[in-house]
Amino acid sequence: QVQLVESGGGLVQAGGSLRLSCAASGRTFTSYYVAWFRQAPGKEREFVAAINRSGGGVVIPDSVRGRFTVSRDNTKNTVYLQMNNLKPEDTAVYYCAAHGLTLWVPQRDNDYEYWGQGTQVTVSS
């Protein structure tokens, strides 16, 4: 089992940057695929990034590609979401999630068995 804690959210002006962190506790962090999702008020949860167990494979959807990157440091049990050139429409609660399944379908949120509590990102215009 793994516990996830996000940090790094906050208020930023449009065009600014934030780096979110997802710290994992528990053993065998390298056994888990990790993803970031976000959810704005009144909207469905949206996939924004995922990274494989080693960190050598990442998936970024078109909606944020070129602005968001994901990385992980397995020595620190932490996954990062770097967000640049933020826009007001990026405002949402951001969640990290993890699963240890064999098959990795990055954007399939139902596969992710562990979720953090979320961190608020607010982008002002």
Protein backbone atom coordinates (compact mmCIF):
# COMPACT_ATOMS: atom_id res chain seq x y z
CA GLN A 1 0.00 0.00 0.00
CA VAL A 2 1.13 3.57 -0.63
CA GLN A 3 0.03 6.94 0.71
CA LEU A 4 0.27 9.99 -1.51
CA VAL A 5 0.57 13.62 -0.43
CA GLU A 6 0.51 16.48 -2.93
CA SER A 7 2.05 19.88 -2.33
CA GLY A 8 3.08 22.95 -4.26
CA GLY A 9 -0.27 24.36 -5.25
CA GLY A 10 -1.19 27.98 -4.84
CA LEU A 11 -2.20 31.19 -6.54
CA VAL A 12 -0.25 32.31 -9.58
CA GLN A 13 -0.77 34.83 -12.33
CA ALA A 14 -1.38 33.76 -15.88
CA GLY A 15 1.91 32.96 -17.58
CA GLY A 16 3.50 31.86 -14.34
CA SER A 17 4.77 28.48 -13.25
CA LEU A 18 4.24 26.04 -10.43
CA ARG A 19 5.80 22.72 -9.57
CA LEU A 20 3.62 20.23 -7.80
CA SER A 21 5.07 17.39 -5.79
CA CYS A 22 3.55 14.05 -4.95
CA ALA A 23 5.34 12.38 -2.08
CA ALA A 24 4.72 8.69 -1.56
CA SER A 25 5.16 6.70 1.58
CA GLY A 26 5.28 2.99 1.79
CA ARG A 27 7.50 0.42 0.25
CA THR A 28 8.35 -0.35 -3.33
CA PHE A 29 7.46 3.00 -4.84
CA THR A 30 9.09 1.84 -8.05
CA SER A 31 6.31 -0.71 -8.43
CA TYR A 32 3.77 2.02 -9.13
CA TYR A 33 2.72 3.94 -12.16
CA VAL A 34 1.80 7.50 -11.20
CA ALA A 35 -0.49 10.00 -12.86
CA TRP A 36 -1.79 13.50 -12.32
CA PHE A 37 -5.41 14.42 -12.75
CA ARG A 38 -7.26 17.65 -12.15
CA GLN A 39 -10.82 18.61 -11.48
CA ALA A 40 -12.34 22.05 -11.78
CA PRO A 41 -15.67 22.94 -10.15
CA GLY A 42 -18.55 21.56 -12.15
CA LYS A 43 -16.28 19.66 -14.52
CA GLU A 44 -15.23 16.06 -14.89
CA ARG A 45 -11.87 14.86 -13.72
CA GLU A 46 -9.24 15.35 -16.41
CA PHE A 47 -6.01 13.47 -17.04
CA VAL A 48 -2.96 15.74 -17.31
CA ALA A 49 0.15 13.54 -17.07
CA ALA A 50 1.46 10.10 -16.27
CA ILE A 51 4.82 8.48 -15.75
CA ASN A 52 5.93 4.88 -15.74
CA ARG A 53 7.74 3.04 -12.99
CA SER A 54 11.27 3.93 -14.01
CA GLY A 55 10.49 7.46 -15.10
CA GLY A 56 11.63 6.72 -18.63
CA GLY A 57 8.17 6.86 -20.11
CA VAL A 58 5.75 9.75 -19.83
CA VAL A 59 2.39 10.57 -21.32
CA ILE A 60 1.14 14.13 -21.68
CA PRO A 61 -2.21 14.83 -23.34
CA ASP A 62 -2.56 17.41 -26.08
CA SER A 63 -4.45 19.74 -23.77
CA VAL A 64 -1.31 20.56 -21.75
CA ARG A 65 1.52 19.29 -23.92
CA GLY A 66 4.29 21.82 -24.30
CA ARG A 67 3.42 23.42 -20.97
CA PHE A 68 3.34 20.53 -18.46
CA THR A 69 6.03 17.97 -17.80
CA VAL A 70 6.17 15.08 -15.35
CA SER A 71 9.16 13.48 -13.71
CA ARG A 72 9.95 11.28 -10.77
CA ASP A 73 12.80 10.76 -8.35
CA ASN A 74 12.55 7.23 -7.05
CA THR A 75 15.29 7.88 -4.52
CA LYS A 76 12.95 10.42 -2.92
CA ASN A 77 9.70 8.57 -3.60
CA THR A 78 8.41 11.70 -5.29
CA VAL A 79 6.74 12.56 -8.57
CA TYR A 80 6.72 16.11 -9.88
CA LEU A 81 4.41 18.02 -12.20
CA GLN A 82 6.06 21.09 -13.66
CA MET A 83 3.49 23.51 -15.03
CA ASN A 84 4.60 26.45 -17.13
CA ASN A 85 2.76 29.22 -18.92
CA LEU A 86 -0.26 28.64 -16.74
CA LYS A 87 -3.66 29.79 -17.93
CA PRO A 88 -6.83 30.60 -15.99
CA GLU A 89 -8.38 27.44 -17.39
CA ASP A 90 -5.73 25.42 -15.54
CA THR A 91 -7.43 26.37 -12.29
CA ALA A 92 -8.44 23.16 -10.54
CA VAL A 93 -7.65 20.79 -7.73
CA TYR A 94 -4.76 18.61 -8.83
CA TYR A 95 -4.49 15.02 -7.66
CA CYS A 96 -1.77 12.46 -7.99
CA ALA A 97 -2.69 8.82 -8.21
CA ALA A 98 -0.84 5.53 -8.34
CA HIS A 99 -1.40 1.92 -9.23
CA GLY A 100 0.65 -1.21 -9.36
CA LEU A 101 -1.20 -3.05 -12.09
CA THR A 102 0.72 -4.81 -14.83
CA LEU A 103 -1.15 -3.13 -17.66
CA TRP A 104 -0.66 0.61 -17.89
CA VAL A 105 -3.37 2.67 -19.51
CA PRO A 106 -2.22 6.10 -18.34
CA GLN A 107 -5.42 8.07 -18.64
CA ARG A 108 -7.76 5.43 -17.21
CA ASP A 109 -8.51 6.89 -13.83
CA ASN A 110 -10.42 3.86 -12.59
CA ASP A 111 -7.18 1.86 -12.59
CA TYR A 112 -5.56 4.10 -10.01
CA GLU A 113 -6.14 2.63 -6.57
CA TYR A 114 -4.29 5.21 -4.52
CA TRP A 115 -5.06 8.92 -4.54
CA GLY A 116 -3.74 11.95 -2.74
CA GLN A 117 -5.94 14.55 -1.09
CA GLY A 118 -5.36 17.09 -3.84
CA THR A 119 -3.78 20.52 -4.01
CA GLN A 120 -5.50 23.65 -5.27
CA VAL A 121 -4.04 25.55 -8.19
CA THR A 122 -5.57 28.92 -8.98
CA VAL A 123 -4.45 30.94 -11.98
CA SER A 124 -5.53 34.56 -12.09
CA SER A 125 -5.91 36.48 -15.32
